[in-house]
PDB file of N, CA and C in Angstrom:
ATOM      1  N   UNK A   1     -41.153 133.952 145.081  1.00  0.00           N
ATOM      2  CA  UNK A   1     -42.566 134.052 144.437  1.00  0.00           C
ATOM      3  C   UNK A   1     -43.353 133.036 145.187  1.00  0.00           C
ATOM      4  N   UNK A   2     -44.768 133.464 145.575  1.00  0.00           N
ATOM      5  CA  UNK A   2     -45.490 132.733 146.175  1.00  0.00           C
ATOM      6  C   UNK A   2     -46.229 131.724 145.163  1.00  0.00           C
ATOM      7  N   UNK A   3     -46.700 130.706 145.847  1.00  0.00           N
ATOM      8  CA  UNK A   3     -47.405 129.749 144.706  1.00  0.00           C
ATOM      9  C   UNK A   3     -48.564 130.282 144.341  1.00  0.00           C
ATOM     10  N   UNK A   4     -48.974 130.085 143.003  1.00  0.00           N
ATOM     11  CA  UNK A   4     -50.151 130.523 142.332  1.00  0.00           C
ATOM     12  C   UNK A   4     -51.165 129.688 142.516  1.00  0.00           C
ATOM     13  N   UNK A   5     -52.396 130.105 142.437  1.00  0.00           N
ATOM     14  CA  UNK A   5     -53.648 129.363 142.540  1.00  0.00           C
ATOM     15  C   UNK A   5     -53.780 128.819 141.096  1.00  0.00           C
ATOM     16  N   UNK A   6     -54.623 127.794 140.909  1.00  0.00           N
ATOM     17  CA  UNK A   6     -54.994 127.268 139.690  1.00  0.00           C
ATOM     18  C   UNK A   6     -55.709 128.140 138.727  1.00  0.00           C
ATOM     19  N   UNK A   7     -56.419 129.138 139.331  1.00  0.00           N
ATOM     20  CA  UNK A   7     -57.043 130.392 138.614  1.00  0.00           C
ATOM     21  C   UNK A   7     -56.162 131.093 138.112  1.00  0.00           C
ATOM     22  N   UNK A   8     -54.843 131.567 138.922  1.00  0.00           N
ATOM     23  CA  UNK A   8     -54.080 132.479 138.575  1.00  0.00           C
ATOM     24  C   UNK A   8     -52.988 131.675 137.426  1.00  0.00           C
ATOM     25  N   UNK A   9     -52.738 130.676 137.550  1.00  0.00           N
ATOM     26  CA  UNK A   9     -52.124 129.992 136.462  1.00  0.00           C
ATOM     27  C   UNK A   9     -52.500 129.828 135.149  1.00  0.00           C
ATOM     28  N   UNK A  10     -54.175 129.861 135.182  1.00  0.00           N
ATOM     29  CA  UNK A  10     -54.942 129.914 133.958  1.00  0.00           C
ATOM     30  C   UNK A  10     -54.770 131.106 133.281  1.00  0.00           C
ATOM     31  N   UNK A  11     -55.033 132.167 134.025  1.00  0.00           N
ATOM     32  CA  UNK A  11     -54.785 133.582 133.832  1.00  0.00           C
ATOM     33  C   UNK A  11     -53.280 133.930 133.124  1.00  0.00           C
ATOM     34  N   UNK A  12     -52.421 133.525 133.876  1.00  0.00           N
ATOM     35  CA  UNK A  12     -51.173 133.608 133.223  1.00  0.00           C
ATOM     36  C   UNK A  12     -50.789 132.977 131.931  1.00  0.00           C
ATOM     37  N   UNK A  13     -51.266 131.927 131.853  1.00  0.00           N
ATOM     38  CA  UNK A  13     -50.894 131.143 130.700  1.00  0.00           C
ATOM     39  C   UNK A  13     -51.994 131.871 129.523  1.00  0.00           C
ATOM     40  N   UNK A  14     -52.975 132.347 129.765  1.00  0.00           N
ATOM     41  CA  UNK A  14     -53.983 132.814 128.947  1.00  0.00           C
ATOM     42  C   UNK A  14     -53.234 134.109 128.216  1.00  0.00           C
ATOM     43  N   UNK A  15     -52.729 134.939 129.235  1.00  0.00           N
ATOM     44  CA  UNK A  15     -51.986 136.289 128.710  1.00  0.00           C
ATOM     45  C   UNK A  15     -50.668 135.863 128.007  1.00  0.00           C
ATOM     46  N   UNK A  16     -49.874 134.851 128.348  1.00  0.00           N
ATOM     47  CA  UNK A  16     -48.984 134.402 127.469  1.00  0.00           C
ATOM     48  C   UNK A  16     -49.048 133.903 126.130  1.00  0.00           C
ATOM     49  N   UNK A  17     -50.259 133.077 126.098  1.00  0.00           N
ATOM     50  CA  UNK A  17     -50.773 132.747 124.796  1.00  0.00           C
ATOM     51  C   UNK A  17     -51.074 133.649 124.059  1.00  0.00           C
ATOM     52  N   UNK A  18     -51.853 134.748 124.502  1.00  0.00           N
ATOM     53  CA  UNK A  18     -52.221 135.835 123.557  1.00  0.00           C
ATOM     54  C   UNK A  18     -51.127 137.005 123.281  1.00  0.00           C
ATOM     55  N   UNK A  19     -49.982 136.915 124.038  1.00  0.00           N
ATOM     56  CA  UNK A  19     -49.007 137.708 123.640  1.00  0.00           C
ATOM     57  C   UNK A  19     -48.337 136.906 122.584  1.00  0.00           C
ATOM     58  N   UNK A  20     -47.976 135.732 122.623  1.00  0.00           N
ATOM     59  CA  UNK A  20     -47.427 134.942 121.554  1.00  0.00           C
ATOM     60  C   UNK A  20     -48.304 134.998 120.338  1.00  0.00           C
ATOM     61  N   UNK A  21     -49.697 134.891 120.389  1.00  0.00           N
ATOM     62  CA  UNK A  21     -50.494 135.047 119.152  1.00  0.00           C
ATOM     63  C   UNK A  21     -50.418 136.527 118.589  1.00  0.00           C
ATOM     64  N   UNK A  22     -50.802 137.308 119.538  1.00  0.00           N
ATOM     65  CA  UNK A  22     -51.127 138.853 118.798  1.00  0.00           C
ATOM     66  C   UNK A  22     -49.933 139.644 119.009  1.00  0.00           C
ATOM     67  N   UNK A  23     -49.106 139.493 119.811  1.00  0.00           N
ATOM     68  CA  UNK A  23     -47.749 140.420 120.136  1.00  0.00           C
ATOM     69  C   UNK A  23     -48.055 141.342 121.280  1.00  0.00           C
ATOM     70  N   UNK A  24     -49.211 141.349 121.751  1.00  0.00           N
ATOM     71  CA  UNK A  24     -49.548 142.257 122.829  1.00  0.00           C
ATOM     72  C   UNK A  24     -50.533 141.507 123.806  1.00  0.00           C
ATOM     73  N   UNK A  25     -50.520 141.840 125.090  1.00  0.00           N
ATOM     74  CA  UNK A  25     -51.294 141.023 125.997  1.00  0.00           C
ATOM     75  C   UNK A  25     -52.920 141.453 125.770  1.00  0.00           C
ATOM     76  N   UNK A  26     -53.783 140.768 126.290  1.00  0.00           N
ATOM     77  CA  UNK A  26     -55.234 140.953 126.029  1.00  0.00           C
ATOM     78  C   UNK A  26     -55.475 142.254 127.108  1.00  0.00           C
ATOM     79  N   UNK A  27     -56.526 142.944 126.627  1.00  0.00           N
ATOM     80  CA  UNK A  27     -57.125 144.192 127.623  1.00  0.00           C
ATOM     81  C   UNK A  27     -57.783 143.270 128.748  1.00  0.00           C
ATOM     82  N   UNK A  28     -58.090 144.208 129.860  1.00  0.00           N
ATOM     83  CA  UNK A  28     -58.875 143.711 130.746  1.00  0.00           C
ATOM     84  C   UNK A  28     -60.236 143.218 130.691  1.00  0.00           C
ATOM     85  N   UNK A  29     -60.716 143.926 129.823  1.00  0.00           N
ATOM     86  CA  UNK A  29     -62.270 143.428 129.169  1.00  0.00           C
ATOM     87  C   UNK A  29     -62.116 142.013 128.585  1.00  0.00           C
ATOM     88  N   UNK A  30     -60.955 141.935 127.785  1.00  0.00           N
ATOM     89  CA  UNK A  30     -60.881 140.627 127.092  1.00  0.00           C
ATOM     90  C   UNK A  30     -60.779 139.328 128.073  1.00  0.00           C
ATOM     91  N   UNK A  31     -59.958 139.761 129.070  1.00  0.00           N
ATOM     92  CA  UNK A  31     -59.609 138.796 130.382  1.00  0.00           C
ATOM     93  C   UNK A  31     -60.793 138.402 131.146  1.00  0.00           C
ATOM     94  N   UNK A  32     -61.832 139.437 131.257  1.00  0.00           N
ATOM     95  CA  UNK A  32     -62.868 139.577 132.009  1.00  0.00           C
ATOM     96  C   UNK A  32     -64.032 138.406 131.057  1.00  0.00           C
ATOM     97  N   UNK A  33     -64.063 138.608 129.984  1.00  0.00           N
ATOM     98  CA  UNK A  33     -64.890 138.044 128.958  1.00  0.00           C
ATOM     99  C   UNK A  33     -64.457 136.521 128.916  1.00  0.00           C
ATOM    100  N   UNK A  34     -63.002 136.270 128.799  1.00  0.00           N
ATOM    101  CA  UNK A  34     -62.726 134.884 128.706  1.00  0.00           C
ATOM    102  C   UNK A  34     -62.880 134.093 129.767  1.00  0.00           C
ATOM    103  N   UNK A  35     -62.682 134.715 130.920  1.00  0.00           N
ATOM    104  CA  UNK A  35     -62.842 133.735 132.333  1.00  0.00           C
ATOM    105  C   UNK A  35     -64.088 134.208 132.974  1.00  0.00           C
ATOM    106  N   UNK A  36     -65.129 134.895 132.181  1.00  0.00           N
ATOM    107  CA  UNK A  36     -66.697 134.984 132.864  1.00  0.00           C
ATOM    108  C   UNK A  36     -66.634 135.872 133.987  1.00  0.00           C
ATOM    109  N   UNK A  37     -65.714 136.797 134.128  1.00  0.00           N
ATOM    110  CA  UNK A  37     -65.690 137.772 135.271  1.00  0.00           C
ATOM    111  C   UNK A  37     -66.840 138.743 134.904  1.00  0.00           C
ATOM    112  N   UNK A  38     -67.492 139.342 135.984  1.00  0.00           N
ATOM    113  CA  UNK A  38     -68.514 140.463 135.823  1.00  0.00           C
ATOM    114  C   UNK A  38     -68.115 141.671 135.310  1.00  0.00           C
ATOM    115  N   UNK A  39     -66.914 141.977 135.417  1.00  0.00           N
ATOM    116  CA  UNK A  39     -66.293 143.153 135.012  1.00  0.00           C
ATOM    117  C   UNK A  39     -64.914 143.211 134.805  1.00  0.00           C
ATOM    118  N   UNK A  40     -64.419 144.244 134.146  1.00  0.00           N
ATOM    119  CA  UNK A  40     -63.006 144.309 134.067  1.00  0.00           C
ATOM    120  C   UNK A  40     -62.169 144.782 135.290  1.00  0.00           C
ATOM    121  N   UNK A  41     -62.868 144.904 136.114  1.00  0.00           N
ATOM    122  CA  UNK A  41     -62.309 145.479 137.442  1.00  0.00           C
ATOM    123  C   UNK A  41     -61.790 144.141 138.188  1.00  0.00           C
ATOM    124  N   UNK A  42     -62.753 143.170 138.028  1.00  0.00           N
ATOM    125  CA  UNK A  42     -62.436 141.886 138.470  1.00  0.00           C
ATOM    126  C   UNK A  42     -61.277 141.186 137.952  1.00  0.00           C
ATOM    127  N   UNK A  43     -60.956 141.643 136.422  1.00  0.00           N
ATOM    128  CA  UNK A  43     -59.729 141.054 135.875  1.00  0.00           C
ATOM    129  C   UNK A  43     -58.760 141.668 136.469  1.00  0.00           C
ATOM    130  N   UNK A  44     -58.825 143.086 136.688  1.00  0.00           N
ATOM    131  CA  UNK A  44     -57.820 143.991 137.179  1.00  0.00           C
ATOM    132  C   UNK A  44     -57.340 143.330 138.614  1.00  0.00           C
ATOM    133  N   UNK A  45     -58.336 143.056 139.348  1.00  0.00           N
ATOM    134  CA  UNK A  45     -58.156 142.471 140.671  1.00  0.00           C
ATOM    135  C   UNK A  45     -57.178 141.218 140.649  1.00  0.00           C
ATOM    136  N   UNK A  46     -57.510 140.533 139.700  1.00  0.00           N
ATOM    137  CA  UNK A  46     -56.614 139.188 139.516  1.00  0.00           C
ATOM    138  C   UNK A  46     -55.396 139.484 138.913  1.00  0.00           C
ATOM    139  N   UNK A  47     -55.130 140.422 138.200  1.00  0.00           N
ATOM    140  CA  UNK A  47     -53.804 140.930 137.761  1.00  0.00           C
ATOM    141  C   UNK A  47     -52.961 141.453 138.980  1.00  0.00           C
ATOM    142  N   UNK A  48     -53.808 142.268 139.751  1.00  0.00           N
ATOM    143  CA  UNK A  48     -52.793 142.766 140.916  1.00  0.00           C
ATOM    144  C   UNK A  48     -52.570 141.872 141.814  1.00  0.00           C
ATOM    145  N   UNK A  49     -53.275 140.790 142.009  1.00  0.00           N
ATOM    146  CA  UNK A  49     -52.983 139.459 142.880  1.00  0.00           C
ATOM    147  C   UNK A  49     -51.810 138.735 142.366  1.00  0.00           C
ATOM    148  N   UNK A  50     -51.539 138.835 141.065  1.00  0.00           N
ATOM    149  CA  UNK A  50     -50.541 138.039 140.443  1.00  0.00           C
ATOM    150  C   UNK A  50     -49.333 139.120 140.605  1.00  0.00           C
ATOM    151  N   UNK A  51     -49.579 140.232 140.522  1.00  0.00           N
ATOM    152  CA  UNK A  51     -48.292 141.349 140.736  1.00  0.00           C
ATOM    153  C   UNK A  51     -47.819 141.019 142.197  1.00  0.00           C
ATOM    154  N   UNK A  52     -48.792 141.076 143.278  1.00  0.00           N
ATOM    155  CA  UNK A  52     -48.447 140.822 144.606  1.00  0.00           C
ATOM    156  C   UNK A  52     -47.537 139.374 144.960  1.00  0.00           C
ATOM    157  N   UNK A  53     -48.004 138.490 144.165  1.00  0.00           N
ATOM    158  CA  UNK A  53     -47.222 137.258 144.187  1.00  0.00           C
ATOM    159  C   UNK A  53     -46.014 137.160 143.704  1.00  0.00           C
ATOM    160  N   UNK A  54     -45.522 138.393 142.998  1.00  0.00           N
ATOM    161  CA  UNK A  54     -44.135 138.454 142.631  1.00  0.00           C
ATOM    162  C   UNK A  54     -44.218 137.770 141.065  1.00  0.00           C
ATOM    163  N   UNK A  55     -45.129 137.777 140.136  1.00  0.00           N
ATOM    164  CA  UNK A  55     -45.185 137.051 139.003  1.00  0.00           C
ATOM    165  C   UNK A  55     -44.998 137.950 137.873  1.00  0.00           C
ATOM    166  N   UNK A  56     -44.916 139.462 138.123  1.00  0.00           N
ATOM    167  CA  UNK A  56     -44.694 140.483 137.236  1.00  0.00           C
ATOM    168  C   UNK A  56     -43.688 141.272 137.644  1.00  0.00           C
ATOM    169  N   UNK A  57     -42.834 141.928 136.762  1.00  0.00           N
ATOM    170  CA  UNK A  57     -41.749 142.725 136.907  1.00  0.00           C
ATOM    171  C   UNK A  57     -42.474 144.359 137.155  1.00  0.00           C
ATOM    172  N   UNK A  58     -43.371 144.573 136.410  1.00  0.00           N
ATOM    173  CA  UNK A  58     -44.101 145.885 136.790  1.00  0.00           C
ATOM    174  C   UNK A  58     -45.639 145.667 137.030  1.00  0.00           C
ATOM    175  N   UNK A  59     -45.738 146.292 138.288  1.00  0.00           N
ATOM    176  CA  UNK A  59     -47.247 146.357 138.927  1.00  0.00           C
ATOM    177  C   UNK A  59     -48.030 147.524 138.457  1.00  0.00           C
ATOM    178  N   UNK A  60     -47.688 148.059 137.410  1.00  0.00           N
ATOM    179  CA  UNK A  60     -48.557 149.173 136.811  1.00  0.00           C
ATOM    180  C   UNK A  60     -49.394 148.686 135.812  1.00  0.00           C
ATOM    181  N   UNK A  61     -50.778 149.080 135.781  1.00  0.00           N
ATOM    182  CA  UNK A  61     -51.656 148.723 134.837  1.00  0.00           C
ATOM    183  C   UNK A  61     -52.127 149.971 134.120  1.00  0.00           C
ATOM    184  N   UNK A  62     -52.353 150.010 133.073  1.00  0.00           N
ATOM    185  CA  UNK A  62     -53.072 150.929 132.375  1.00  0.00           C
ATOM    186  C   UNK A  62     -54.702 150.660 132.310  1.00  0.00           C
ATOM    187  N   UNK A  63     -55.628 151.521 131.714  1.00  0.00           N
ATOM    188  CA  UNK A  63     -56.915 151.457 131.726  1.00  0.00           C
ATOM    189  C   UNK A  63     -57.576 149.984 131.094  1.00  0.00           C
ATOM    190  N   UNK A  64     -56.594 149.485 130.091  1.00  0.00           N
ATOM    191  CA  UNK A  64     -57.172 148.522 129.287  1.00  0.00           C
ATOM    192  C   UNK A  64     -56.470 147.320 129.340  1.00  0.00           C
ATOM    193  N   UNK A  65     -54.921 147.337 129.089  1.00  0.00           N
ATOM    194  CA  UNK A  65     -54.230 146.284 129.133  1.00  0.00           C
ATOM    195  C   UNK A  65     -53.774 145.715 130.727  1.00  0.00           C
ATOM    196  N   UNK A  66     -53.644 144.439 130.519  1.00  0.00           N
ATOM    197  CA  UNK A  66     -53.295 143.968 131.813  1.00  0.00           C
ATOM    198  C   UNK A  66     -52.013 144.049 132.119  1.00  0.00           C
ATOM    199  N   UNK A  67     -51.050 144.103 131.053  1.00  0.00           N
ATOM    200  CA  UNK A  67     -49.429 144.167 131.473  1.00  0.00           C
ATOM    201  C   UNK A  67     -49.038 145.545 130.614  1.00  0.00           C
ATOM    202  N   UNK A  68     -47.944 146.050 131.440  1.00  0.00           N
ATOM    203  CA  UNK A  68     -47.179 146.907 130.856  1.00  0.00           C
ATOM    204  C   UNK A  68     -45.781 146.541 130.789  1.00  0.00           C
ATOM    205  N   UNK A  69     -44.883 146.622 129.961  1.00  0.00           N
ATOM    206  CA  UNK A  69     -43.482 146.216 130.060  1.00  0.00           C
ATOM    207  C   UNK A  69     -42.802 147.528 130.282  1.00  0.00           C
TER     208      UNK A  69
END
């Protein structure tokens, strides 16, 4: 796995915290709002970057949630 950037580490921690708290991952819109991204598409691009770096087992994304197990 490639080294994650500081922002990617923050994103991964946020997703893990939301899964622990809520039992499911945040939506791409929630990720965008939390990180100040202009759109859910920006959140999706960050999630895809994590996938390319090998941090996720599944690279499939649905229209709203960041992760699919």
